[in-house]
C-alpha atoms as a PDB file:
ATOM      1  CA  MET A   1       0.000   0.000   0.000  1.00  0.00           C
ATOM      2  CA  ARG A   2       2.132   2.839  -1.322  1.00  0.00           C
ATOM      3  CA  PRO A   3       0.850   6.412  -1.237  1.00  0.00           C
ATOM      4  CA  GLU A   4       1.048   9.022  -3.941  1.00  0.00           C
ATOM      5  CA  ILE A   5       3.455  11.633  -2.557  1.00  0.00           C
ATOM      6  CA  ALA A   6       3.397  15.364  -3.306  1.00  0.00           C
ATOM      7  CA  VAL A   7       4.669  18.594  -1.761  1.00  0.00           C
ATOM      8  CA  LEU A   8       1.956  21.204  -2.257  1.00  0.00           C
ATOM      9  CA  ASP A   9       2.204  24.969  -2.323  1.00  0.00           C
ATOM     10  CA  ILE A  10      -0.320  26.581   0.049  1.00  0.00           C
ATOM     11  CA  GLN A  11      -1.135  30.138  -1.036  1.00  0.00           C
ATOM     12  CA  GLY A  12       2.533  30.863  -1.668  1.00  0.00           C
ATOM     13  CA  GLN A  13       3.224  30.793   2.100  1.00  0.00           C
ATOM     14  CA  PHE A  14       3.854  27.158   2.970  1.00  0.00           C
ATOM     15  CA  ARG A  15       4.957  23.926   1.367  1.00  0.00           C
ATOM     16  CA  VAL A  16       3.165  20.861   2.718  1.00  0.00           C
ATOM     17  CA  TYR A  17       4.231  17.223   2.316  1.00  0.00           C
ATOM     18  CA  THR A  18       1.242  14.956   1.573  1.00  0.00           C
ATOM     19  CA  GLU A  19       0.546  11.242   1.178  1.00  0.00           C
ATOM     20  CA  PHE A  20      -2.537  10.111  -0.729  1.00  0.00           C
ATOM     21  CA  TYR A  21      -3.625   6.498  -0.233  1.00  0.00           C
ATOM     22  CA  ARG A  22      -5.903   5.890  -3.193  1.00  0.00           C
ATOM     23  CA  ALA A  23      -8.453   3.062  -3.225  1.00  0.00           C
ATOM     24  CA  ASP A  24     -10.048   2.304  -6.590  1.00  0.00           C
ATOM     25  CA  ALA A  25     -13.375   1.248  -5.095  1.00  0.00           C
ATOM     26  CA  ALA A  26     -13.591   4.089  -2.547  1.00  0.00           C
ATOM     27  CA  GLU A  27     -16.267   6.728  -3.066  1.00  0.00           C
ATOM     28  CA  LYS A  28     -15.143   9.121  -0.310  1.00  0.00           C
ATOM     29  CA  THR A  29     -11.866  10.725   0.774  1.00  0.00           C
ATOM     30  CA  ILE A  30     -10.868  11.440   4.374  1.00  0.00           C
ATOM     31  CA  ILE A  31      -8.071  13.780   5.432  1.00  0.00           C
ATOM     32  CA  MET A  32      -6.226  13.217   8.713  1.00  0.00           C
ATOM     33  CA  VAL A  33      -5.030  16.062  10.982  1.00  0.00           C
ATOM     34  CA  ASN A  34      -1.990  15.360  13.175  1.00  0.00           C
ATOM     35  CA  GLY A  35      -1.583  16.186  16.825  1.00  0.00           C
ATOM     36  CA  SER A  36       1.148  18.531  18.036  1.00  0.00           C
ATOM     37  CA  LEU A  37       4.696  17.406  17.111  1.00  0.00           C
ATOM     38  CA  ALA A  38       3.256  14.352  15.322  1.00  0.00           C
ATOM     39  CA  THR A  39       3.864  13.353  11.702  1.00  0.00           C
ATOM     40  CA  THR A  40       2.163  11.195   9.085  1.00  0.00           C
ATOM     41  CA  ALA A  41       3.681   8.142  10.807  1.00  0.00           C
ATOM     42  CA  SER A  42       1.292   8.654  13.736  1.00  0.00           C
ATOM     43  CA  PHE A  43      -1.675   7.625  11.588  1.00  0.00           C
ATOM     44  CA  ALA A  44      -0.205   4.351  10.298  1.00  0.00           C
ATOM     45  CA  GLN A  45      -2.735   2.194  12.174  1.00  0.00           C
ATOM     46  CA  THR A  46      -5.651   4.504  11.394  1.00  0.00           C
ATOM     47  CA  VAL A  47      -4.843   4.280   7.677  1.00  0.00           C
ATOM     48  CA  ARG A  48      -5.079   0.492   7.920  1.00  0.00           C
ATOM     49  CA  ASN A  49      -8.445   0.898   9.665  1.00  0.00           C
ATOM     50  CA  LEU A  50      -9.870   3.155   6.935  1.00  0.00           C
ATOM     51  CA  HIS A  51      -8.249   1.975   3.699  1.00  0.00           C
ATOM     52  CA  PRO A  52      -9.493   0.689   1.224  1.00  0.00           C
ATOM     53  CA  GLN A  53     -13.014   1.713   2.302  1.00  0.00           C
ATOM     54  CA  PHE A  54     -11.821   5.316   1.874  1.00  0.00           C
ATOM     55  CA  ASN A  55      -9.142   7.247   0.071  1.00  0.00           C
ATOM     56  CA  VAL A  56      -6.931   8.563   2.886  1.00  0.00           C
ATOM     57  CA  VAL A  57      -4.863  11.769   2.920  1.00  0.00           C
ATOM     58  CA  LEU A  58      -2.050  12.379   5.408  1.00  0.00           C
ATOM     59  CA  TYR A  59       0.062  15.516   5.681  1.00  0.00           C
ATOM     60  CA  ASP A  60       2.786  17.061   7.799  1.00  0.00           C
ATOM     61  CA  GLN A  61       2.334  20.554   9.158  1.00  0.00           C
ATOM     62  CA  PRO A  62       4.878  23.010   7.664  1.00  0.00           C
ATOM     63  CA  TYR A  63       6.993  22.854  10.850  1.00  0.00           C
ATOM     64  CA  ALA A  64       7.043  19.041  11.147  1.00  0.00           C
ATOM     65  CA  GLY A  65       8.123  15.801   9.501  1.00  0.00           C
ATOM     66  CA  LYS A  66       8.827  15.825   5.777  1.00  0.00           C
ATOM     67  CA  SER A  67       7.402  19.329   5.347  1.00  0.00           C
ATOM     68  CA  LYS A  68      10.223  20.815   7.459  1.00  0.00           C
ATOM     69  CA  PRO A  69      12.889  21.068   4.722  1.00  0.00           C
ATOM     70  CA  HIS A  70      10.523  23.039   2.483  1.00  0.00           C
ATOM     71  CA  ASN A  71       9.698  25.870   4.921  1.00  0.00           C
ATOM     72  CA  LEU A  72      11.541  28.712   6.676  1.00  0.00           C
ATOM     73  CA  HIS A  73      10.070  28.438  10.215  1.00  0.00           C
ATOM     74  CA  GLU A  74      10.248  32.176  10.834  1.00  0.00           C
ATOM     75  CA  ARG A  75       7.408  32.163  13.380  1.00  0.00           C
ATOM     76  CA  PRO A  76       5.081  29.655  15.059  1.00  0.00           C
ATOM     77  CA  LEU A  77       1.807  28.832  13.335  1.00  0.00           C
ATOM     78  CA  THR A  78      -1.478  29.681  15.014  1.00  0.00           C
ATOM     79  CA  LYS A  79      -4.409  27.274  15.060  1.00  0.00           C
ATOM     80  CA  GLU A  80      -6.121  29.645  12.589  1.00  0.00           C
ATOM     81  CA  MET A  81      -3.218  29.219  10.145  1.00  0.00           C
ATOM     82  CA  GLU A  82      -3.383  25.456  10.572  1.00  0.00           C
ATOM     83  CA  GLY A  83      -7.119  25.616   9.947  1.00  0.00           C
ATOM     84  CA  GLN A  84      -6.559  27.542   6.708  1.00  0.00           C
ATOM     85  CA  ILE A  85      -3.981  24.986   5.534  1.00  0.00           C
ATOM     86  CA  LEU A  86      -6.516  22.236   6.207  1.00  0.00           C
ATOM     87  CA  LEU A  87      -9.171  24.075   4.191  1.00  0.00           C
ATOM     88  CA  GLU A  88      -6.769  24.323   1.232  1.00  0.00           C
ATOM     89  CA  LEU A  89      -6.016  20.594   1.431  1.00  0.00           C
ATOM     90  CA  ILE A  90      -9.722  19.739   1.624  1.00  0.00           C
ATOM     91  CA  ASP A  91     -10.238  21.594  -1.647  1.00  0.00           C
ATOM     92  CA  HIS A  92      -7.163  20.106  -3.302  1.00  0.00           C
ATOM     93  CA  PHE A  93      -8.062  16.495  -2.511  1.00  0.00           C
ATOM     94  CA  ASN A  94     -11.843  16.942  -2.751  1.00  0.00           C
ATOM     95  CA  ALA A  95     -12.189  15.435   0.707  1.00  0.00           C
ATOM     96  CA  GLU A  96     -15.616  14.651   2.158  1.00  0.00           C
ATOM     97  CA  HIS A  97     -14.442  13.776   5.679  1.00  0.00           C
ATOM     98  CA  ILE A  98     -11.981  15.023   8.306  1.00  0.00           C
ATOM     99  CA  MET A  99     -10.441  13.109  11.184  1.00  0.00           C
ATOM    100  CA  SER A 100      -8.206  14.801  13.760  1.00  0.00           C
ATOM    101  CA  PHE A 101      -6.147  13.609  16.705  1.00  0.00           C
ATOM    102  CA  SER A 102      -5.448  15.546  19.919  1.00  0.00           C
ATOM    103  CA  TRP A 103      -4.245  19.123  19.183  1.00  0.00           C
ATOM    104  CA  GLY A 104      -5.269  18.589  15.562  1.00  0.00           C
ATOM    105  CA  GLY A 105      -8.829  18.985  16.831  1.00  0.00           C
ATOM    106  CA  ALA A 106      -8.224  22.724  17.252  1.00  0.00           C
ATOM    107  CA  ALA A 107      -7.352  23.167  13.559  1.00  0.00           C
ATOM    108  CA  ALA A 108     -10.208  20.845  12.546  1.00  0.00           C
ATOM    109  CA  LEU A 109     -12.746  22.915  14.504  1.00  0.00           C
ATOM    110  CA  VAL A 110     -11.428  26.118  12.920  1.00  0.00           C
ATOM    111  CA  ALA A 111     -11.799  24.589   9.442  1.00  0.00           C
ATOM    112  CA  LEU A 112     -15.264  23.172  10.165  1.00  0.00           C
ATOM    113  CA  ALA A 113     -16.433  26.551  11.485  1.00  0.00           C
ATOM    114  CA  HIS A 114     -15.823  27.911   7.957  1.00  0.00           C
ATOM    115  CA  ARG A 115     -18.380  25.360   6.720  1.00  0.00           C
ATOM    116  CA  PRO A 116     -16.391  23.935   3.792  1.00  0.00           C
ATOM    117  CA  LYS A 117     -18.954  22.877   1.192  1.00  0.00           C
ATOM    118  CA  ARG A 118     -17.533  19.443   0.447  1.00  0.00           C
ATOM    119  CA  ILE A 119     -17.242  18.196   4.023  1.00  0.00           C
ATOM    120  CA  GLU A 120     -20.004  15.787   5.052  1.00  0.00           C
ATOM    121  CA  LYS A 121     -18.766  14.401   8.401  1.00  0.00           C
ATOM    122  CA  ALA A 122     -15.915  14.886  10.871  1.00  0.00           C
ATOM    123  CA  VAL A 123     -14.277  12.802  13.582  1.00  0.00           C
ATOM    124  CA  ILE A 124     -12.492  14.580  16.452  1.00  0.00           C
ATOM    125  CA  SER A 125     -10.472  12.124  18.538  1.00  0.00           C
ATOM    126  CA  SER A 126      -8.767  12.647  21.910  1.00  0.00           C
ATOM    127  CA  PHE A 127      -9.892  16.257  22.203  1.00  0.00           C
ATOM    128  CA  SER A 128     -11.863  18.234  24.767  1.00  0.00           C
ATOM    129  CA  PRO A 129     -12.930  21.856  25.243  1.00  0.00           C
ATOM    130  CA  VAL A 130     -11.981  21.666  28.928  1.00  0.00           C
ATOM    131  CA  ILE A 131      -8.557  22.192  30.500  1.00  0.00           C
ATOM    132  CA  ASN A 132      -9.104  19.940  33.499  1.00  0.00           C
ATOM    133  CA  GLU A 133      -6.719  19.459  36.417  1.00  0.00           C
ATOM    134  CA  HIS A 134      -4.730  16.683  34.689  1.00  0.00           C
ATOM    135  CA  MET A 135      -4.373  18.567  31.423  1.00  0.00           C
ATOM    136  CA  HIS A 136      -3.417  21.798  33.200  1.00  0.00           C
ATOM    137  CA  ASP A 137      -0.637  19.991  35.062  1.00  0.00           C
ATOM    138  CA  TYR A 138       0.618  18.398  31.830  1.00  0.00           C
ATOM    139  CA  LEU A 139       0.578  21.706  29.947  1.00  0.00           C
ATOM    140  CA  THR A 140       2.238  23.663  32.748  1.00  0.00           C
ATOM    141  CA  ARG A 141       5.081  21.158  33.029  1.00  0.00           C
ATOM    142  CA  GLY A 142       5.366  21.008  29.257  1.00  0.00           C
ATOM    143  CA  GLN A 143       5.551  24.798  29.078  1.00  0.00           C
ATOM    144  CA  GLN A 144       8.504  24.739  31.485  1.00  0.00           C
ATOM    145  CA  HIS A 145      10.448  21.941  29.741  1.00  0.00           C
ATOM    146  CA  LEU A 146       9.811  23.241  26.219  1.00  0.00           C
ATOM    147  CA  GLY A 147      10.810  26.770  27.207  1.00  0.00           C
ATOM    148  CA  ALA A 148      14.130  25.357  28.412  1.00  0.00           C
ATOM    149  CA  PHE A 149      14.467  23.103  25.326  1.00  0.00           C
ATOM    150  CA  ASP A 150      14.951  20.185  27.728  1.00  0.00           C
ATOM    151  CA  ARG A 151      14.688  17.229  25.350  1.00  0.00           C
ATOM    152  CA  PHE A 152      15.011  14.570  28.075  1.00  0.00           C
ATOM    153  CA  GLU A 153      12.214  16.001  30.207  1.00  0.00           C
ATOM    154  CA  VAL A 154       9.874  16.614  27.249  1.00  0.00           C
ATOM    155  CA  GLY A 155      10.216  12.986  26.136  1.00  0.00           C
ATOM    156  CA  ASN A 156       9.682  11.654  29.647  1.00  0.00           C
ATOM    157  CA  LEU A 157       6.722  13.952  30.279  1.00  0.00           C
ATOM    158  CA  ILE A 158       4.785  12.721  27.250  1.00  0.00           C
ATOM    159  CA  ASN A 159       5.412   9.048  28.018  1.00  0.00           C
ATOM    160  CA  SER A 160       4.446   9.412  31.684  1.00  0.00           C
ATOM    161  CA  THR A 161       1.228  11.353  31.031  1.00  0.00           C
ATOM    162  CA  ILE A 162      -0.786  11.212  27.799  1.00  0.00           C
ATOM    163  CA  GLY A 163       1.337   8.303  26.549  1.00  0.00           C
ATOM    164  CA  LYS A 164       1.349   6.217  29.717  1.00  0.00           C
ATOM    165  CA  HIS A 165      -0.965   3.528  28.252  1.00  0.00           C
ATOM    166  CA  LEU A 166       1.154   2.988  25.127  1.00  0.00           C
ATOM    167  CA  PRO A 167       3.060  -0.296  24.701  1.00  0.00           C
ATOM    168  CA  SER A 168       6.754  -0.067  25.619  1.00  0.00           C
ATOM    169  CA  LEU A 169       7.832  -0.217  21.968  1.00  0.00           C
ATOM    170  CA  PHE A 170       5.689   2.804  21.113  1.00  0.00           C
ATOM    171  CA  LYS A 171       6.995   4.645  24.162  1.00  0.00           C
ATOM    172  CA  ARG A 172      10.568   4.129  22.958  1.00  0.00           C
ATOM    173  CA  PHE A 173       9.610   5.382  19.495  1.00  0.00           C
ATOM    174  CA  ASN A 174       7.791   8.349  21.045  1.00  0.00           C
ATOM    175  CA  TYR A 175      10.784   9.266  23.200  1.00  0.00           C
ATOM    176  CA  LYS A 176      13.244   8.993  20.317  1.00  0.00           C
ATOM    177  CA  HIS A 177      11.020  11.146  18.097  1.00  0.00           C
ATOM    178  CA  VAL A 178      10.192  13.848  20.645  1.00  0.00           C
ATOM    179  CA  SER A 179      13.720  14.144  22.067  1.00  0.00           C
ATOM    180  CA  SER A 180      15.322  14.623  18.640  1.00  0.00           C
ATOM    181  CA  LEU A 181      13.142  17.409  17.215  1.00  0.00           C
ATOM    182  CA  ASP A 182      14.460  20.709  15.891  1.00  0.00           C
ATOM    183  CA  LEU A 183      14.374  23.736  18.177  1.00  0.00           C
ATOM    184  CA  HIS A 184      11.672  25.420  16.107  1.00  0.00           C
ATOM    185  CA  GLU A 185       9.394  22.424  16.778  1.00  0.00           C
ATOM    186  CA  TYR A 186       9.770  22.858  20.527  1.00  0.00           C
ATOM    187  CA  ALA A 187       9.042  26.558  20.036  1.00  0.00           C
ATOM    188  CA  GLN A 188       5.918  25.614  18.069  1.00  0.00           C
ATOM    189  CA  MET A 189       4.617  23.303  20.785  1.00  0.00           C
ATOM    190  CA  HIS A 190       5.461  25.943  23.399  1.00  0.00           C
ATOM    191  CA  HIS A 191       3.339  28.371  21.385  1.00  0.00           C
ATOM    192  CA  HIS A 192       0.472  25.836  21.278  1.00  0.00           C
ATOM    193  CA  ILE A 193       0.581  25.404  25.044  1.00  0.00           C
ATOM    194  CA  ASN A 194       0.709  29.133  25.723  1.00  0.00           C
ATOM    195  CA  HIS A 195      -2.324  29.580  23.503  1.00  0.00           C
ATOM    196  CA  VAL A 196      -4.298  26.793  25.199  1.00  0.00           C
ATOM    197  CA  LEU A 197      -3.518  28.088  28.692  1.00  0.00           C
ATOM    198  CA  ASP A 198      -4.427  31.668  27.753  1.00  0.00           C
ATOM    199  CA  VAL A 199      -7.671  30.939  25.903  1.00  0.00           C
ATOM    200  CA  SER A 200     -10.895  30.063  27.659  1.00  0.00           C
ATOM    201  CA  THR A 201     -13.304  27.269  26.764  1.00  0.00           C
ATOM    202  CA  HIS A 202     -15.580  29.950  25.329  1.00  0.00           C
ATOM    203  CA  ASN A 203     -13.460  30.294  22.167  1.00  0.00           C
ATOM    204  CA  GLN A 204     -13.649  26.574  21.406  1.00  0.00           C
ATOM    205  CA  ILE A 205     -17.403  26.631  21.883  1.00  0.00           C
ATOM    206  CA  LYS A 206     -17.791  29.750  19.742  1.00  0.00           C
ATOM    207  CA  ALA A 207     -16.153  27.983  16.787  1.00  0.00           C
ATOM    208  CA  ALA A 208     -18.180  24.817  17.415  1.00  0.00           C
ATOM    209  CA  LYS A 209     -21.505  26.662  17.171  1.00  0.00           C
ATOM    210  CA  ARG A 210     -20.931  27.363  13.464  1.00  0.00           C
ATOM    211  CA  ILE A 211     -20.364  23.710  12.540  1.00  0.00           C
ATOM    212  CA  ASN A 212     -23.156  22.352  10.347  1.00  0.00           C
ATOM    213  CA  VAL A 213     -22.104  18.730   9.720  1.00  0.00           C
ATOM    214  CA  PRO A 214     -22.301  15.628  11.944  1.00  0.00           C
ATOM    215  CA  VAL A 215     -19.295  15.310  14.254  1.00  0.00           C
ATOM    216  CA  LEU A 216     -18.164  12.204  16.148  1.00  0.00           C
ATOM    217  CA  PHE A 217     -16.072  12.791  19.274  1.00  0.00           C
ATOM    218  CA  MET A 218     -13.982   9.746  20.127  1.00  0.00           C
ATOM    219  CA  ASN A 219     -12.178   9.563  23.490  1.00  0.00           C
ATOM    220  CA  GLY A 220     -10.484   6.882  25.552  1.00  0.00           C
ATOM    221  CA  GLU A 221     -12.098   5.574  28.729  1.00  0.00           C
ATOM    222  CA  TRP A 222      -8.787   5.931  30.608  1.00  0.00           C
ATOM    223  CA  ASP A 223      -7.817   9.300  29.117  1.00  0.00           C
ATOM    224  CA  GLU A 224      -7.614  11.713  32.048  1.00  0.00           C
ATOM    225  CA  TYR A 225      -6.346  14.560  29.873  1.00  0.00           C
ATOM    226  CA  THR A 226      -9.027  14.847  27.195  1.00  0.00           C
ATOM    227  CA  ALA A 227     -11.706  13.053  29.155  1.00  0.00           C
ATOM    228  CA  ALA A 228     -14.814  11.634  27.506  1.00  0.00           C
ATOM    229  CA  PRO A 229     -17.266  13.391  29.905  1.00  0.00           C
ATOM    230  CA  ASP A 230     -15.601  16.734  29.105  1.00  0.00           C
ATOM    231  CA  ALA A 231     -15.868  16.159  25.351  1.00  0.00           C
ATOM    232  CA  ARG A 232     -19.615  15.685  25.746  1.00  0.00           C
ATOM    233  CA  LEU A 233     -19.953  19.389  26.511  1.00  0.00           C
ATOM    234  CA  PHE A 234     -19.836  19.915  22.746  1.00  0.00           C
ATOM    235  CA  ALA A 235     -23.337  18.390  22.602  1.00  0.00           C
ATOM    236  CA  ASN A 236     -24.752  21.695  23.823  1.00  0.00           C
ATOM    237  CA  HIS A 237     -23.248  23.596  20.894  1.00  0.00           C
ATOM    238  CA  ILE A 238     -22.949  21.360  17.812  1.00  0.00           C
ATOM    239  CA  ARG A 239     -26.322  20.542  16.303  1.00  0.00           C
ATOM    240  CA  ASP A 240     -25.458  16.990  15.195  1.00  0.00           C
ATOM    241  CA  CYS A 241     -23.092  15.555  17.795  1.00  0.00           C
ATOM    242  CA  HIS A 242     -22.116  11.920  18.376  1.00  0.00           C
ATOM    243  CA  PHE A 243     -19.859  10.394  21.018  1.00  0.00           C
ATOM    244  CA  THR A 244     -18.037   7.138  21.545  1.00  0.00           C
ATOM    245  CA  THR A 245     -15.767   6.062  24.384  1.00  0.00           C
ATOM    246  CA  ILE A 246     -13.112   3.461  23.546  1.00  0.00           C
ATOM    247  CA  LYS A 247     -12.959   0.975  26.405  1.00  0.00           C
ATOM    248  CA  SER A 248      -9.730   0.437  28.344  1.00  0.00           C
ATOM    249  CA  ALA A 249      -7.901   3.010  26.220  1.00  0.00           C
ATOM    250  CA  GLY A 250      -6.038   6.197  27.012  1.00  0.00           C
ATOM    251  CA  HIS A 251      -5.155   9.200  24.865  1.00  0.00           C
ATOM    252  CA  PHE A 252      -3.650   7.293  21.924  1.00  0.00           C
ATOM    253  CA  LEU A 253      -6.651   5.005  21.298  1.00  0.00           C
ATOM    254  CA  ASP A 254      -5.940   2.600  18.389  1.00  0.00           C
ATOM    255  CA  MET A 255      -2.182   2.608  19.050  1.00  0.00           C
ATOM    256  CA  GLU A 256      -2.504   1.176  22.552  1.00  0.00           C
ATOM    257  CA  HIS A 257      -3.772  -2.399  22.064  1.00  0.00           C
ATOM    258  CA  LYS A 258      -5.649  -4.619  19.616  1.00  0.00           C
ATOM    259  CA  ALA A 259      -9.057  -4.395  21.284  1.00  0.00           C
ATOM    260  CA  ALA A 260      -8.918  -0.580  21.270  1.00  0.00           C
ATOM    261  CA  CYS A 261      -7.818  -0.672  17.639  1.00  0.00           C
ATOM    262  CA  LEU A 262     -10.775  -2.853  16.645  1.00  0.00           C
ATOM    263  CA  GLU A 263     -13.262  -0.797  18.639  1.00  0.00           C
ATOM    264  CA  SER A 264     -11.895   2.415  17.100  1.00  0.00           C
ATOM    265  CA  ARG A 265     -12.201   0.953  13.598  1.00  0.00           C
ATOM    266  CA  ASN A 266     -15.780  -0.169  14.183  1.00  0.00           C
ATOM    267  CA  ALA A 267     -16.754   3.235  15.570  1.00  0.00           C
ATOM    268  CA  LEU A 268     -15.187   5.051  12.603  1.00  0.00           C
ATOM    269  CA  LEU A 269     -16.753   2.881   9.924  1.00  0.00           C
ATOM    270  CA  SER A 270     -20.148   2.879  11.639  1.00  0.00           C
ATOM    271  CA  PHE A 271     -20.167   6.677  11.717  1.00  0.00           C
ATOM    272  CA  LEU A 272     -18.620   7.415   8.326  1.00  0.00           C
ATOM    273  CA  THR A 273     -20.328   4.715   6.275  1.00  0.00           C
ATOM    274  CA  PRO A 274     -24.040   5.322   5.669  1.00  0.00           C
ATOM    275  CA  ALA A 275     -26.444   2.488   6.380  1.00  0.00           C
ATOM    276  CA  PRO A 276     -27.570   0.726   3.174  1.00  0.00           C
ATOM    277  CA  GLU A 277     -30.895   1.869   1.833  1.00  0.00           C
ATOM    278  CA  PRO A 278     -33.713  -0.722   1.725  1.00  0.00           C
ATOM    279  CA  SER A 279     -34.046  -2.422  -1.650  1.00  0.00           C
ATOM    280  CA  ARG A 280     -36.923  -1.022  -3.685  1.00  0.00           C
ATOM    281  CA  THR A 281     -37.582  -4.451  -5.169  1.00  0.00           C
ATOM    282  CA  ARG A 282     -37.902  -6.018  -1.757  1.00  0.00           C
ATOM    283  CA  TYR A 283     -40.203  -3.206  -0.691  1.00  0.00           C
ATOM    284  CA  ARG A 284     -42.513  -3.747  -3.683  1.00  0.00           C
ATOM    285  CA  GLN A 285     -42.665  -7.480  -2.975  1.00  0.00           C
ATOM    286  CA  ALA A 286     -43.515  -6.873   0.645  1.00  0.00           C
ATOM    287  CA  HIS A 287     -46.141  -4.306  -0.335  1.00  0.00           C
ATOM    288  CA  THR A 288     -47.696  -6.642  -2.891  1.00  0.00           C
ATOM    289  CA  HIS A 289     -47.773  -9.543  -0.430  1.00  0.00           C
ATOM    290  CA  HIS A 290     -49.466  -7.296   2.100  1.00  0.00           C
ATOM    291  CA  ALA A 291     -52.096  -6.265  -0.460  1.00  0.00           C
ATOM    292  CA  PHE A 292     -52.924  -9.855  -1.357  1.00  0.00           C
ATOM    293  CA  ALA A 293     -53.185 -10.736   2.316  1.00  0.00           C
ATOM    294  CA  ILE A 294     -55.971  -8.192   2.691  1.00  0.00           C
END
């Protein structure tokens, strides 16, 4: 399963590395939005869950992964900028669906609030409008370590908090990835954290109120940081809201164990794939039989 690879120009400001997993029989395309500091590699399992039922698009933010060599990194990106990049990619790939993970939910909500015409459904995973006690502690400690560019502490913080339910192999990969990033990537995550700590829940809700497509919020039962009960607050503000809690899973959902992976896949396909319409032929037969019975 090899993707079609392209580096796209976004309004003359950014160059974005993309992977397009085409499926000949697929009728819909879904675009995936990374979490902070993550790359296309983070969605490897999710791609297997969705392909070949869907065409799948992955991309690296301009500051991350394989997009890094193509950009200048003069200043951190805001969530509004990330939302605009997502809107451009939706148009380029003619995507009907969005799926985000963690911080990617902020950019996804910004994009959805613009009501892109093609988008039919969205999935927001491991995201919440609430900065609860656990998340505040994680962000505050992250702010300190990132500000000091302390690679060791940043890697350990992620694995001991939001990543604590990951298998040991994934934790080692996580640590190696996070502790070897460029300085501008730490500055970017520091900017994200400062923004989250400075902005109230009201701003997230304000964007959510404009969303006019069905949205599925998917959270882990054991995720203390973007907790499932907190995510349900979106139900008061998005007109067509759906929720699913993945049992015995933390923040990283389908990456944590096989049962969580299967449950995540079933939830995604159930939400994104419309139920088959009743056969007209069968309906006519039933109607005719009913008439004769009278």
